[in-house]
Amino acid sequence: MTINARLRQALVVAALGATVSACTATVAGTASPAPETSPMSSADVFAGMNACQVLDQLNAGQGYEPGENKSRRNECDATKPGVMGNGLALDPVQGLREFAATNKDVVDLTINGRRAMQADIPTGGCAIAVEVGEHARALVLMTLATGPRDPQACVDAQALAEKLEPLLPKVR
């Protein structure tokens, strides 16, 4: 299985059951933090954020191919020839509780002051879910060409999550 296929499969496994509306149009350029929203808001906290645009911004200058979204969900994966792949899923429906319920051996983390959780991806690699609200999360995925159990995958996933966090909506 290719890295891209393995990463895509990992995205589906990790974000299983998420329902996200179709991608929205955004203005090309640098992503910026989304506006603050209240927890009672039923709107998509990621409205206006495109996972591929955000992932491409985070991967800039590191040799990654442009991110690809091959589903209706707001998720994206990118590959780096011969080295690794990473992914980002912006899930406005599932929070950390759902992440913990669908993954084994979840580890609690803090990413730049936000609650987060880490788990191994069953197909290899590492997933980090960053809390955006009680029922919303950003999911960072990392797979390495060095093998499915390389601990560097979680180190790299955490570094990517730390770069992502300032771009995420602040929910009161």
C-alpha atoms as a PDB file:
ATOM      1  CA  MET A   1       0.000   0.000   0.000  1.00  0.00           C
ATOM      2  CA  THR A   2       1.446   3.378  -0.950  1.00  0.00           C
ATOM      3  CA  ILE A   3       2.002   6.080   1.647  1.00  0.00           C
ATOM      4  CA  ASN A   4      -0.717   8.228   0.074  1.00  0.00           C
ATOM      5  CA  ALA A   5      -3.198   5.330   0.157  1.00  0.00           C
ATOM      6  CA  ARG A   6      -2.182   4.456   3.729  1.00  0.00           C
ATOM      7  CA  LEU A   7      -2.587   8.095   4.799  1.00  0.00           C
ATOM      8  CA  ARG A   8      -5.969   8.349   3.080  1.00  0.00           C
ATOM      9  CA  GLN A   9      -7.062   5.118   4.806  1.00  0.00           C
ATOM     10  CA  ALA A  10      -5.808   6.495   8.132  1.00  0.00           C
ATOM     11  CA  LEU A  11      -7.814   9.694   7.609  1.00  0.00           C
ATOM     12  CA  VAL A  12     -10.947   7.671   7.011  1.00  0.00           C
ATOM     13  CA  VAL A  13     -10.323   5.470  10.053  1.00  0.00           C
ATOM     14  CA  ALA A  14      -9.471   8.387  12.352  1.00  0.00           C
ATOM     15  CA  ALA A  15     -12.298  10.632  11.187  1.00  0.00           C
ATOM     16  CA  LEU A  16     -14.850   7.831  10.860  1.00  0.00           C
ATOM     17  CA  GLY A  17     -18.362   9.048  11.223  1.00  0.00           C
ATOM     18  CA  ALA A  18     -17.580  12.745  10.824  1.00  0.00           C
ATOM     19  CA  THR A  19     -20.053  14.704   8.805  1.00  0.00           C
ATOM     20  CA  VAL A  20     -18.767  17.828   7.201  1.00  0.00           C
ATOM     21  CA  SER A  21     -20.438  19.992   4.617  1.00  0.00           C
ATOM     22  CA  ALA A  22     -18.853  20.467   1.229  1.00  0.00           C
ATOM     23  CA  CYS A  23     -15.792  22.691   1.002  1.00  0.00           C
ATOM     24  CA  THR A  24     -16.417  26.399   1.015  1.00  0.00           C
ATOM     25  CA  ALA A  25     -14.734  28.895  -1.221  1.00  0.00           C
ATOM     26  CA  THR A  26     -11.983  30.919   0.414  1.00  0.00           C
ATOM     27  CA  VAL A  27      -9.756  33.677  -0.790  1.00  0.00           C
ATOM     28  CA  ALA A  28      -6.320  32.491  -1.861  1.00  0.00           C
ATOM     29  CA  GLY A  29      -3.488  33.517   0.415  1.00  0.00           C
ATOM     30  CA  THR A  30      -2.446  33.008   3.980  1.00  0.00           C
ATOM     31  CA  ALA A  31      -4.847  31.345   6.374  1.00  0.00           C
ATOM     32  CA  SER A  32      -5.741  33.321   9.454  1.00  0.00           C
ATOM     33  CA  PRO A  33      -7.432  32.326  12.693  1.00  0.00           C
ATOM     34  CA  ALA A  34     -11.172  31.942  12.388  1.00  0.00           C
ATOM     35  CA  PRO A  35     -13.386  34.264  14.412  1.00  0.00           C
ATOM     36  CA  GLU A  36     -14.365  33.360  17.941  1.00  0.00           C
ATOM     37  CA  THR A  37     -17.643  31.521  18.319  1.00  0.00           C
ATOM     38  CA  SER A  38     -19.789  30.621  21.279  1.00  0.00           C
ATOM     39  CA  PRO A  39     -20.215  26.981  22.307  1.00  0.00           C
ATOM     40  CA  MET A  40     -23.955  27.251  21.678  1.00  0.00           C
ATOM     41  CA  SER A  41     -23.392  28.044  18.008  1.00  0.00           C
ATOM     42  CA  SER A  42     -24.708  25.312  15.734  1.00  0.00           C
ATOM     43  CA  ALA A  43     -22.711  26.671  12.817  1.00  0.00           C
ATOM     44  CA  ASP A  44     -19.609  24.914  11.518  1.00  0.00           C
ATOM     45  CA  VAL A  45     -16.748  26.364  13.580  1.00  0.00           C
ATOM     46  CA  PHE A  46     -14.489  25.664  10.591  1.00  0.00           C
ATOM     47  CA  ALA A  47     -16.653  27.584   8.096  1.00  0.00           C
ATOM     48  CA  GLY A  48     -14.310  29.397   5.732  1.00  0.00           C
ATOM     49  CA  MET A  49     -11.347  27.138   6.559  1.00  0.00           C
ATOM     50  CA  ASN A  50     -10.230  24.737   3.855  1.00  0.00           C
ATOM     51  CA  ALA A  51      -8.142  21.834   5.193  1.00  0.00           C
ATOM     52  CA  CYS A  52      -6.030  21.635   2.011  1.00  0.00           C
ATOM     53  CA  GLN A  53      -5.210  25.340   2.033  1.00  0.00           C
ATOM     54  CA  VAL A  54      -4.264  25.191   5.710  1.00  0.00           C
ATOM     55  CA  LEU A  55      -2.183  22.008   5.255  1.00  0.00           C
ATOM     56  CA  ASP A  56      -0.406  23.484   2.231  1.00  0.00           C
ATOM     57  CA  GLN A  57       0.449  26.566   4.307  1.00  0.00           C
ATOM     58  CA  LEU A  58       1.816  24.415   7.142  1.00  0.00           C
ATOM     59  CA  ASN A  59       3.827  22.269   4.707  1.00  0.00           C
ATOM     60  CA  ALA A  60       5.238  25.199   2.691  1.00  0.00           C
ATOM     61  CA  GLY A  61       8.937  24.905   1.930  1.00  0.00           C
ATOM     62  CA  GLN A  62       9.222  21.325   3.191  1.00  0.00           C
ATOM     63  CA  GLY A  63       8.994  19.448  -0.125  1.00  0.00           C
ATOM     64  CA  TYR A  64       5.422  18.203   0.188  1.00  0.00           C
ATOM     65  CA  GLU A  65       3.177  17.776  -2.837  1.00  0.00           C
ATOM     66  CA  PRO A  66       0.055  19.970  -2.744  1.00  0.00           C
ATOM     67  CA  GLY A  67      -2.617  18.519  -0.477  1.00  0.00           C
ATOM     68  CA  GLU A  68      -5.479  16.513  -1.955  1.00  0.00           C
ATOM     69  CA  ASN A  69      -9.064  16.229  -0.766  1.00  0.00           C
ATOM     70  CA  LYS A  70     -10.824  13.316  -2.439  1.00  0.00           C
ATOM     71  CA  SER A  71     -14.010  13.376  -0.382  1.00  0.00           C
ATOM     72  CA  ARG A  72     -16.789  15.756   0.601  1.00  0.00           C
ATOM     73  CA  ARG A  73     -15.290  16.093   4.070  1.00  0.00           C
ATOM     74  CA  ASN A  74     -13.017  18.974   4.998  1.00  0.00           C
ATOM     75  CA  GLU A  75      -9.919  16.810   5.163  1.00  0.00           C
ATOM     76  CA  CYS A  76      -6.715  16.725   3.206  1.00  0.00           C
ATOM     77  CA  ASP A  77      -3.579  14.642   2.820  1.00  0.00           C
ATOM     78  CA  ALA A  78      -0.202  15.479   1.365  1.00  0.00           C
ATOM     79  CA  THR A  79       2.813  13.374   0.502  1.00  0.00           C
ATOM     80  CA  LYS A  80       6.501  14.063   0.499  1.00  0.00           C
ATOM     81  CA  PRO A  81       8.153  11.845  -2.123  1.00  0.00           C
ATOM     82  CA  GLY A  82      10.018   8.958  -0.544  1.00  0.00           C
ATOM     83  CA  VAL A  83       9.726  10.291   2.983  1.00  0.00           C
ATOM     84  CA  MET A  84       6.300  10.714   4.579  1.00  0.00           C
ATOM     85  CA  GLY A  85       2.742  11.883   4.341  1.00  0.00           C
ATOM     86  CA  ASN A  86       0.587  13.989   6.594  1.00  0.00           C
ATOM     87  CA  GLY A  87      -3.038  14.931   6.821  1.00  0.00           C
ATOM     88  CA  LEU A  88      -5.495  17.347   8.369  1.00  0.00           C
ATOM     89  CA  ALA A  89      -9.207  16.864   9.045  1.00  0.00           C
ATOM     90  CA  LEU A  90     -11.341  19.737  10.348  1.00  0.00           C
ATOM     91  CA  ASP A  91     -14.291  18.038  12.055  1.00  0.00           C
ATOM     92  CA  PRO A  92     -17.096  20.328  13.309  1.00  0.00           C
ATOM     93  CA  VAL A  93     -19.154  17.411  14.644  1.00  0.00           C
ATOM     94  CA  GLN A  94     -16.875  15.157  16.711  1.00  0.00           C
ATOM     95  CA  GLY A  95     -14.798  16.244  19.684  1.00  0.00           C
ATOM     96  CA  LEU A  96     -12.156  14.623  21.860  1.00  0.00           C
ATOM     97  CA  ARG A  97     -14.718  12.348  23.537  1.00  0.00           C
ATOM     98  CA  GLU A  98     -15.428  10.654  20.203  1.00  0.00           C
ATOM     99  CA  PHE A  99     -11.702  10.450  19.404  1.00  0.00           C
ATOM    100  CA  ALA A 100     -11.062   8.662  22.718  1.00  0.00           C
ATOM    101  CA  ALA A 101     -13.983   6.296  22.133  1.00  0.00           C
ATOM    102  CA  THR A 102     -12.746   5.193  18.703  1.00  0.00           C
ATOM    103  CA  ASN A 103      -9.007   4.865  19.386  1.00  0.00           C
ATOM    104  CA  LYS A 104      -6.964   2.570  21.628  1.00  0.00           C
ATOM    105  CA  ASP A 105      -4.338   3.724  24.118  1.00  0.00           C
ATOM    106  CA  VAL A 106      -5.173   7.431  23.841  1.00  0.00           C
ATOM    107  CA  VAL A 107      -2.685   9.789  25.490  1.00  0.00           C
ATOM    108  CA  ASP A 108      -3.817  13.186  26.823  1.00  0.00           C
ATOM    109  CA  LEU A 109      -1.741  16.153  25.609  1.00  0.00           C
ATOM    110  CA  THR A 110      -1.767  19.920  25.613  1.00  0.00           C
ATOM    111  CA  ILE A 111      -1.006  21.722  22.348  1.00  0.00           C
ATOM    112  CA  ASN A 112      -0.227  25.403  22.937  1.00  0.00           C
ATOM    113  CA  GLY A 113      -2.617  25.426  25.903  1.00  0.00           C
ATOM    114  CA  ARG A 114      -5.440  23.475  24.216  1.00  0.00           C
ATOM    115  CA  ARG A 115      -6.587  20.031  25.225  1.00  0.00           C
ATOM    116  CA  ALA A 116      -5.523  17.354  22.779  1.00  0.00           C
ATOM    117  CA  MET A 117      -5.228  13.584  22.491  1.00  0.00           C
ATOM    118  CA  GLN A 118      -2.786  11.342  20.668  1.00  0.00           C
ATOM    119  CA  ALA A 119      -3.235   7.793  19.383  1.00  0.00           C
ATOM    120  CA  ASP A 120      -1.489   5.422  17.036  1.00  0.00           C
ATOM    121  CA  ILE A 121      -3.171   4.992  13.658  1.00  0.00           C
ATOM    122  CA  PRO A 122      -4.110   1.318  13.170  1.00  0.00           C
ATOM    123  CA  THR A 123      -2.560   1.306   9.686  1.00  0.00           C
ATOM    124  CA  GLY A 124       0.630   2.947  10.985  1.00  0.00           C
ATOM    125  CA  GLY A 125       1.563   6.444  12.056  1.00  0.00           C
ATOM    126  CA  CYS A 126       0.172   8.854  14.610  1.00  0.00           C
ATOM    127  CA  ALA A 127      -2.982  10.953  15.032  1.00  0.00           C
ATOM    128  CA  ILE A 128      -3.377  14.025  17.235  1.00  0.00           C
ATOM    129  CA  ALA A 129      -6.827  15.489  17.850  1.00  0.00           C
ATOM    130  CA  VAL A 130      -6.823  19.122  19.023  1.00  0.00           C
ATOM    131  CA  GLU A 131      -9.938  20.398  20.790  1.00  0.00           C
ATOM    132  CA  VAL A 132     -11.761  23.254  19.098  1.00  0.00           C
ATOM    133  CA  GLY A 133     -15.003  22.829  21.033  1.00  0.00           C
ATOM    134  CA  GLU A 134     -16.948  20.165  22.870  1.00  0.00           C
ATOM    135  CA  HIS A 135     -18.115  18.811  19.516  1.00  0.00           C
ATOM    136  CA  ALA A 136     -15.310  19.927  17.200  1.00  0.00           C
ATOM    137  CA  ARG A 137     -11.687  18.984  16.649  1.00  0.00           C
ATOM    138  CA  ALA A 138      -8.810  19.351  14.261  1.00  0.00           C
ATOM    139  CA  LEU A 139      -7.142  16.037  13.506  1.00  0.00           C
ATOM    140  CA  VAL A 140      -3.483  15.910  12.446  1.00  0.00           C
ATOM    141  CA  LEU A 141      -2.142  12.672  10.974  1.00  0.00           C
ATOM    142  CA  MET A 142       1.430  11.658  10.233  1.00  0.00           C
ATOM    143  CA  THR A 143       2.815   8.551   8.539  1.00  0.00           C
ATOM    144  CA  LEU A 144       6.486   7.864   7.881  1.00  0.00           C
ATOM    145  CA  ALA A 145       8.095   5.830   5.131  1.00  0.00           C
ATOM    146  CA  THR A 146      10.444   4.340   7.742  1.00  0.00           C
ATOM    147  CA  GLY A 147       7.677   2.082   8.974  1.00  0.00           C
ATOM    148  CA  PRO A 148       4.306   1.963  10.656  1.00  0.00           C
ATOM    149  CA  ARG A 149       5.667   1.904  14.219  1.00  0.00           C
ATOM    150  CA  ASP A 150       8.275   4.671  13.973  1.00  0.00           C
ATOM    151  CA  PRO A 151       7.920   6.823  17.146  1.00  0.00           C
ATOM    152  CA  GLN A 152       9.073   9.848  15.125  1.00  0.00           C
ATOM    153  CA  ALA A 153       5.572   9.947  13.582  1.00  0.00           C
ATOM    154  CA  CYS A 154       4.112  11.212  16.882  1.00  0.00           C
ATOM    155  CA  VAL A 155       6.948  13.714  17.328  1.00  0.00           C
ATOM    156  CA  ASP A 156       6.281  15.064  13.833  1.00  0.00           C
ATOM    157  CA  ALA A 157       2.480  15.034  14.334  1.00  0.00           C
ATOM    158  CA  GLN A 158       2.852  17.042  17.535  1.00  0.00           C
ATOM    159  CA  ALA A 159       5.102  19.591  15.790  1.00  0.00           C
ATOM    160  CA  LEU A 160       2.506  19.977  13.013  1.00  0.00           C
ATOM    161  CA  ALA A 161      -0.305  20.335  15.587  1.00  0.00           C
ATOM    162  CA  GLU A 162       1.669  23.086  17.349  1.00  0.00           C
ATOM    163  CA  LYS A 163       1.974  24.989  14.044  1.00  0.00           C
ATOM    164  CA  LEU A 164      -1.733  24.448  13.323  1.00  0.00           C
ATOM    165  CA  GLU A 165      -3.141  25.493  16.699  1.00  0.00           C
ATOM    166  CA  PRO A 166      -2.813  29.302  16.268  1.00  0.00           C
ATOM    167  CA  LEU A 167      -4.867  29.041  13.045  1.00  0.00           C
ATOM    168  CA  LEU A 168      -7.776  27.262  14.739  1.00  0.00           C
ATOM    169  CA  PRO A 169     -10.959  29.045  15.855  1.00  0.00           C
ATOM    170  CA  LYS A 170     -11.062  30.146  19.468  1.00  0.00           C
ATOM    171  CA  VAL A 171     -14.259  28.890  21.054  1.00  0.00           C
ATOM    172  CA  ARG A 172     -15.455  30.519  24.275  1.00  0.00           C
END
